[in-house]
Amino acid sequence: MSRLTNDLDNLSTALGQNAVPLISSIFTILGIIIAMLLLSWQLALIRFIILPFLLYVSRKIVMRSSTDYVARQHALGNMNEHILGAEVVTLFNQEKKQWHTFNTRNRCYKKADFQAEVVSSSLAPLNRFFNNMARTLMVGVGAIMTVYGMVWGKLERSLHLVLTHVNFLNRLNSYQMH
């Protein structure tokens, strides 16, 4: 019963807190993509070439961490059920046996919790790596294009595109966190 209650609470919280920001982020990302294409499709292409790698790595991490979080929730449910049965254990003088069972379940929970947190915490550094790589390539290629006069509007347009790219990354990261 405690597992069902815990899962329903998590689902309710996720739906209540994430729906509006998710929709807002999607529309903002679409607007930024259009702006990037209008400013310089050549520089926007750099972002779009790196984007599939970023999404692939992010998806793998999210899939792995979600299975780890399910294992953590299962272990937490087992611990809660064990704690709820403590009064019956005391009544039948089974404290030592149940202490060992509780310690085993607690170790399982700690292991599942650690695994879930380690895997999910690797998402942000990997996102930053791909985003910094794209930004560096965009600035470098934009500088070369500006020097050779290939960017319409020269330096201002390149800088505006990089700033738009930063906004794109911020929205994409907020979308991935939801």
C-alpha atoms as a PDB file:
ATOM      1  CA  MET A   1       0.000   0.000   0.000  1.00  0.00           C
ATOM      2  CA  SER A   2       2.835   2.413   0.840  1.00  0.00           C
ATOM      3  CA  ARG A   3       4.397   1.803  -2.596  1.00  0.00           C
ATOM      4  CA  LEU A   4       1.140   2.733  -4.312  1.00  0.00           C
ATOM      5  CA  THR A   5       0.767   5.883  -2.214  1.00  0.00           C
ATOM      6  CA  ASN A   6       4.394   6.876  -2.830  1.00  0.00           C
ATOM      7  CA  ASP A   7       4.076   6.304  -6.602  1.00  0.00           C
ATOM      8  CA  LEU A   8       0.811   8.265  -6.798  1.00  0.00           C
ATOM      9  CA  ASP A   9       2.349  11.173  -4.889  1.00  0.00           C
ATOM     10  CA  ASN A  10       5.333  11.227  -7.266  1.00  0.00           C
ATOM     11  CA  LEU A  11       3.074  11.105 -10.330  1.00  0.00           C
ATOM     12  CA  SER A  12       0.841  13.887  -9.020  1.00  0.00           C
ATOM     13  CA  THR A  13       3.842  16.095  -8.255  1.00  0.00           C
ATOM     14  CA  ALA A  14       5.410  15.476 -11.666  1.00  0.00           C
ATOM     15  CA  LEU A  15       2.223  16.298 -13.570  1.00  0.00           C
ATOM     16  CA  GLY A  16       1.365  19.329 -11.459  1.00  0.00           C
ATOM     17  CA  GLN A  17       4.756  21.007 -11.508  1.00  0.00           C
ATOM     18  CA  ASN A  18       6.088  20.146 -14.964  1.00  0.00           C
ATOM     19  CA  ALA A  19       3.267  20.502 -17.511  1.00  0.00           C
ATOM     20  CA  VAL A  20       3.256  24.295 -17.983  1.00  0.00           C
ATOM     21  CA  PRO A  21       7.060  24.769 -18.035  1.00  0.00           C
ATOM     22  CA  LEU A  22       7.367  21.874 -20.484  1.00  0.00           C
ATOM     23  CA  ILE A  23       4.889  23.381 -22.946  1.00  0.00           C
ATOM     24  CA  SER A  24       6.482  26.813 -22.555  1.00  0.00           C
ATOM     25  CA  SER A  25       9.951  25.381 -23.212  1.00  0.00           C
ATOM     26  CA  ILE A  26       8.797  23.580 -26.350  1.00  0.00           C
ATOM     27  CA  PHE A  27       7.352  26.760 -27.868  1.00  0.00           C
ATOM     28  CA  THR A  28      10.409  28.772 -26.879  1.00  0.00           C
ATOM     29  CA  ILE A  29      12.745  26.188 -28.444  1.00  0.00           C
ATOM     30  CA  LEU A  30      10.768  26.293 -31.689  1.00  0.00           C
ATOM     31  CA  GLY A  31      10.973  30.103 -31.763  1.00  0.00           C
ATOM     32  CA  ILE A  32      14.703  30.052 -31.101  1.00  0.00           C
ATOM     33  CA  ILE A  33      15.271  27.491 -33.869  1.00  0.00           C
ATOM     34  CA  ILE A  34      13.477  29.753 -36.319  1.00  0.00           C
ATOM     35  CA  ALA A  35      15.517  32.762 -35.147  1.00  0.00           C
ATOM     36  CA  MET A  36      18.780  30.834 -35.485  1.00  0.00           C
ATOM     37  CA  LEU A  37      17.912  29.747 -39.017  1.00  0.00           C
ATOM     38  CA  LEU A  38      16.994  33.301 -40.009  1.00  0.00           C
ATOM     39  CA  LEU A  39      20.199  34.771 -38.551  1.00  0.00           C
ATOM     40  CA  SER A  40      22.622  32.328 -40.151  1.00  0.00           C
ATOM     41  CA  TRP A  41      21.635  28.901 -41.338  1.00  0.00           C
ATOM     42  CA  GLN A  42      25.308  27.941 -41.692  1.00  0.00           C
ATOM     43  CA  LEU A  43      26.045  28.542 -38.010  1.00  0.00           C
ATOM     44  CA  ALA A  44      22.732  27.037 -36.939  1.00  0.00           C
ATOM     45  CA  LEU A  45      23.683  23.919 -38.877  1.00  0.00           C
ATOM     46  CA  ILE A  46      26.650  23.430 -36.526  1.00  0.00           C
ATOM     47  CA  ARG A  47      24.260  23.342 -33.579  1.00  0.00           C
ATOM     48  CA  PHE A  48      21.951  20.932 -35.344  1.00  0.00           C
ATOM     49  CA  ILE A  49      24.808  18.583 -36.247  1.00  0.00           C
ATOM     50  CA  ILE A  50      25.836  18.272 -32.593  1.00  0.00           C
ATOM     51  CA  LEU A  51      22.258  18.146 -31.271  1.00  0.00           C
ATOM     52  CA  PRO A  52      21.599  14.460 -32.158  1.00  0.00           C
ATOM     53  CA  PHE A  53      24.689  13.395 -30.181  1.00  0.00           C
ATOM     54  CA  LEU A  54      23.526  15.445 -27.196  1.00  0.00           C
ATOM     55  CA  LEU A  55      20.020  14.006 -27.371  1.00  0.00           C
ATOM     56  CA  TYR A  56      21.312  10.439 -27.782  1.00  0.00           C
ATOM     57  CA  VAL A  57      23.584  10.662 -24.739  1.00  0.00           C
ATOM     58  CA  SER A  58      20.884  12.404 -22.701  1.00  0.00           C
ATOM     59  CA  ARG A  59      18.310   9.772 -23.640  1.00  0.00           C
ATOM     60  CA  LYS A  60      20.644   6.939 -22.613  1.00  0.00           C
ATOM     61  CA  ILE A  61      21.315   8.581 -19.255  1.00  0.00           C
ATOM     62  CA  VAL A  62      17.625   9.246 -18.635  1.00  0.00           C
ATOM     63  CA  MET A  63      16.700   5.653 -19.512  1.00  0.00           C
ATOM     64  CA  ARG A  64      19.378   4.273 -17.216  1.00  0.00           C
ATOM     65  CA  SER A  65      18.579   6.623 -14.344  1.00  0.00           C
ATOM     66  CA  SER A  66      14.849   5.942 -14.602  1.00  0.00           C
ATOM     67  CA  THR A  67      15.424   2.213 -14.076  1.00  0.00           C
ATOM     68  CA  ASP A  68      17.692   3.087 -11.152  1.00  0.00           C
ATOM     69  CA  TYR A  69      15.026   5.347  -9.665  1.00  0.00           C
ATOM     70  CA  VAL A  70      12.436   2.561 -10.016  1.00  0.00           C
ATOM     71  CA  ALA A  71      14.796   0.240  -8.116  1.00  0.00           C
ATOM     72  CA  ARG A  72      15.250   2.931  -5.461  1.00  0.00           C
ATOM     73  CA  GLN A  73      11.487   3.378  -5.071  1.00  0.00           C
ATOM     74  CA  HIS A  74      11.038  -0.389  -4.803  1.00  0.00           C
ATOM     75  CA  ALA A  75      13.711  -0.598  -2.092  1.00  0.00           C
ATOM     76  CA  LEU A  76      12.110   2.331  -0.245  1.00  0.00           C
ATOM     77  CA  GLY A  77       8.727   0.609  -0.382  1.00  0.00           C
ATOM     78  CA  ASN A  78      10.288  -2.554   1.080  1.00  0.00           C
ATOM     79  CA  MET A  79      11.806  -0.552   3.925  1.00  0.00           C
ATOM     80  CA  ASN A  80       8.512   1.226   4.636  1.00  0.00           C
ATOM     81  CA  GLU A  81       6.645  -2.072   4.786  1.00  0.00           C
ATOM     82  CA  HIS A  82       9.262  -3.446   7.158  1.00  0.00           C
ATOM     83  CA  ILE A  83       9.013  -0.397   9.440  1.00  0.00           C
ATOM     84  CA  LEU A  84       5.207  -0.586   9.473  1.00  0.00           C
ATOM     85  CA  GLY A  85       5.423  -4.183  10.710  1.00  0.00           C
ATOM     86  CA  ALA A  86       7.697  -3.282  13.670  1.00  0.00           C
ATOM     87  CA  GLU A  87       4.932  -3.458  16.278  1.00  0.00           C
ATOM     88  CA  VAL A  88       4.071  -7.047  15.317  1.00  0.00           C
ATOM     89  CA  VAL A  89       7.755  -7.997  15.495  1.00  0.00           C
ATOM     90  CA  THR A  90       8.027  -6.627  19.027  1.00  0.00           C
ATOM     91  CA  LEU A  91       4.890  -8.500  20.021  1.00  0.00           C
ATOM     92  CA  PHE A  92       6.317 -11.877  18.908  1.00  0.00           C
ATOM     93  CA  ASN A  93       9.890 -11.225  20.162  1.00  0.00           C
ATOM     94  CA  GLN A  94      11.516 -11.353  16.689  1.00  0.00           C
ATOM     95  CA  GLU A  95      13.637  -8.191  17.008  1.00  0.00           C
ATOM     96  CA  LYS A  96      17.029  -9.769  16.219  1.00  0.00           C
ATOM     97  CA  LYS A  97      15.806 -11.564  13.122  1.00  0.00           C
ATOM     98  CA  GLN A  98      14.000  -8.485  11.862  1.00  0.00           C
ATOM     99  CA  TRP A  99      16.975  -6.239  12.644  1.00  0.00           C
ATOM    100  CA  HIS A 100      19.051  -8.296  10.230  1.00  0.00           C
ATOM    101  CA  THR A 101      16.280  -8.092   7.589  1.00  0.00           C
ATOM    102  CA  PHE A 102      16.029  -4.327   8.052  1.00  0.00           C
ATOM    103  CA  ASN A 103      19.797  -3.893   7.681  1.00  0.00           C
ATOM    104  CA  THR A 104      19.742  -5.920   4.462  1.00  0.00           C
ATOM    105  CA  ARG A 105      16.877  -3.844   3.056  1.00  0.00           C
ATOM    106  CA  ASN A 106      18.585  -0.631   4.143  1.00  0.00           C
ATOM    107  CA  ARG A 107      21.799  -1.624   2.331  1.00  0.00           C
ATOM    108  CA  CYS A 108      19.763  -2.398  -0.801  1.00  0.00           C
ATOM    109  CA  TYR A 109      18.120   1.021  -0.563  1.00  0.00           C
ATOM    110  CA  LYS A 110      21.452   2.816  -0.080  1.00  0.00           C
ATOM    111  CA  LYS A 111      22.953   1.025  -3.070  1.00  0.00           C
ATOM    112  CA  ALA A 112      19.943   1.797  -5.306  1.00  0.00           C
ATOM    113  CA  ASP A 113      19.864   5.426  -4.146  1.00  0.00           C
ATOM    114  CA  PHE A 114      23.579   5.912  -4.784  1.00  0.00           C
ATOM    115  CA  GLN A 115      23.348   4.352  -8.245  1.00  0.00           C
ATOM    116  CA  ALA A 116      20.351   6.507  -9.211  1.00  0.00           C
ATOM    117  CA  GLU A 117      22.003   9.727  -8.049  1.00  0.00           C
ATOM    118  CA  VAL A 118      25.369   9.018  -9.690  1.00  0.00           C
ATOM    119  CA  VAL A 119      23.870   8.197 -13.071  1.00  0.00           C
ATOM    120  CA  SER A 120      21.424  11.111 -13.116  1.00  0.00           C
ATOM    121  CA  SER A 121      24.053  13.602 -11.925  1.00  0.00           C
ATOM    122  CA  SER A 122      26.205  12.848 -14.979  1.00  0.00           C
ATOM    123  CA  LEU A 123      23.586  14.423 -17.271  1.00  0.00           C
ATOM    124  CA  ALA A 124      24.441  18.077 -16.589  1.00  0.00           C
ATOM    125  CA  PRO A 125      28.228  17.791 -17.149  1.00  0.00           C
ATOM    126  CA  LEU A 126      27.721  15.888 -20.412  1.00  0.00           C
ATOM    127  CA  ASN A 127      25.195  18.475 -21.595  1.00  0.00           C
ATOM    128  CA  ARG A 128      27.664  21.252 -20.787  1.00  0.00           C
ATOM    129  CA  PHE A 129      30.384  19.441 -22.719  1.00  0.00           C
ATOM    130  CA  PHE A 130      28.291  19.138 -25.898  1.00  0.00           C
ATOM    131  CA  ASN A 131      26.937  22.671 -25.539  1.00  0.00           C
ATOM    132  CA  ASN A 132      30.406  24.159 -25.049  1.00  0.00           C
ATOM    133  CA  MET A 133      31.667  22.206 -28.045  1.00  0.00           C
ATOM    134  CA  ALA A 134      28.836  23.577 -30.201  1.00  0.00           C
ATOM    135  CA  ARG A 135      29.347  27.117 -28.914  1.00  0.00           C
ATOM    136  CA  THR A 136      33.095  26.960 -29.556  1.00  0.00           C
ATOM    137  CA  LEU A 137      32.567  25.687 -33.105  1.00  0.00           C
ATOM    138  CA  MET A 138      29.922  28.335 -33.756  1.00  0.00           C
ATOM    139  CA  VAL A 139      32.163  31.139 -32.512  1.00  0.00           C
ATOM    140  CA  GLY A 140      35.154  29.840 -34.463  1.00  0.00           C
ATOM    141  CA  VAL A 141      33.260  29.317 -37.706  1.00  0.00           C
ATOM    142  CA  GLY A 142      31.396  32.612 -37.180  1.00  0.00           C
ATOM    143  CA  ALA A 143      34.704  34.442 -36.753  1.00  0.00           C
ATOM    144  CA  ILE A 144      36.085  32.888 -39.933  1.00  0.00           C
ATOM    145  CA  MET A 145      32.879  33.742 -41.796  1.00  0.00           C
ATOM    146  CA  THR A 146      33.009  37.311 -40.470  1.00  0.00           C
ATOM    147  CA  VAL A 147      36.645  37.768 -41.519  1.00  0.00           C
ATOM    148  CA  TYR A 148      35.875  36.555 -45.022  1.00  0.00           C
ATOM    149  CA  GLY A 149      32.608  38.530 -45.197  1.00  0.00           C
ATOM    150  CA  MET A 150      30.417  35.469 -45.489  1.00  0.00           C
ATOM    151  CA  VAL A 151      28.023  36.448 -42.696  1.00  0.00           C
ATOM    152  CA  TRP A 152      25.350  38.892 -43.748  1.00  0.00           C
ATOM    153  CA  GLY A 153      25.451  41.731 -41.235  1.00  0.00           C
ATOM    154  CA  LYS A 154      28.996  40.867 -40.146  1.00  0.00           C
ATOM    155  CA  LEU A 155      29.985  40.579 -36.491  1.00  0.00           C
ATOM    156  CA  GLU A 156      26.705  41.733 -34.907  1.00  0.00           C
ATOM    157  CA  ARG A 157      24.801  38.940 -36.609  1.00  0.00           C
ATOM    158  CA  SER A 158      27.319  36.308 -35.456  1.00  0.00           C
ATOM    159  CA  LEU A 159      27.208  37.563 -31.873  1.00  0.00           C
ATOM    160  CA  HIS A 160      23.427  37.667 -31.910  1.00  0.00           C
ATOM    161  CA  LEU A 161      23.342  34.085 -33.145  1.00  0.00           C
ATOM    162  CA  VAL A 162      25.659  32.944 -30.354  1.00  0.00           C
ATOM    163  CA  LEU A 163      23.443  34.683 -27.785  1.00  0.00           C
ATOM    164  CA  THR A 164      20.387  33.037 -29.340  1.00  0.00           C
ATOM    165  CA  HIS A 165      22.248  29.726 -29.146  1.00  0.00           C
ATOM    166  CA  VAL A 166      22.848  30.266 -25.409  1.00  0.00           C
ATOM    167  CA  ASN A 167      19.112  30.867 -24.907  1.00  0.00           C
ATOM    168  CA  PHE A 168      18.417  27.709 -26.929  1.00  0.00           C
ATOM    169  CA  LEU A 169      20.730  25.712 -24.664  1.00  0.00           C
ATOM    170  CA  ASN A 170      19.117  27.064 -21.509  1.00  0.00           C
ATOM    171  CA  ARG A 171      15.655  26.083 -22.757  1.00  0.00           C
ATOM    172  CA  LEU A 172      16.850  22.697 -23.965  1.00  0.00           C
ATOM    173  CA  ASN A 173      18.441  21.977 -20.590  1.00  0.00           C
ATOM    174  CA  SER A 174      15.276  22.990 -18.744  1.00  0.00           C
ATOM    175  CA  TYR A 175      13.263  20.752 -21.080  1.00  0.00           C
ATOM    176  CA  GLN A 176      15.585  17.799 -20.412  1.00  0.00           C
ATOM    177  CA  MET A 177      15.344  18.260 -16.667  1.00  0.00           C
ATOM    178  CA  HIS A 178      11.568  17.910 -16.810  1.00  0.00           C
END
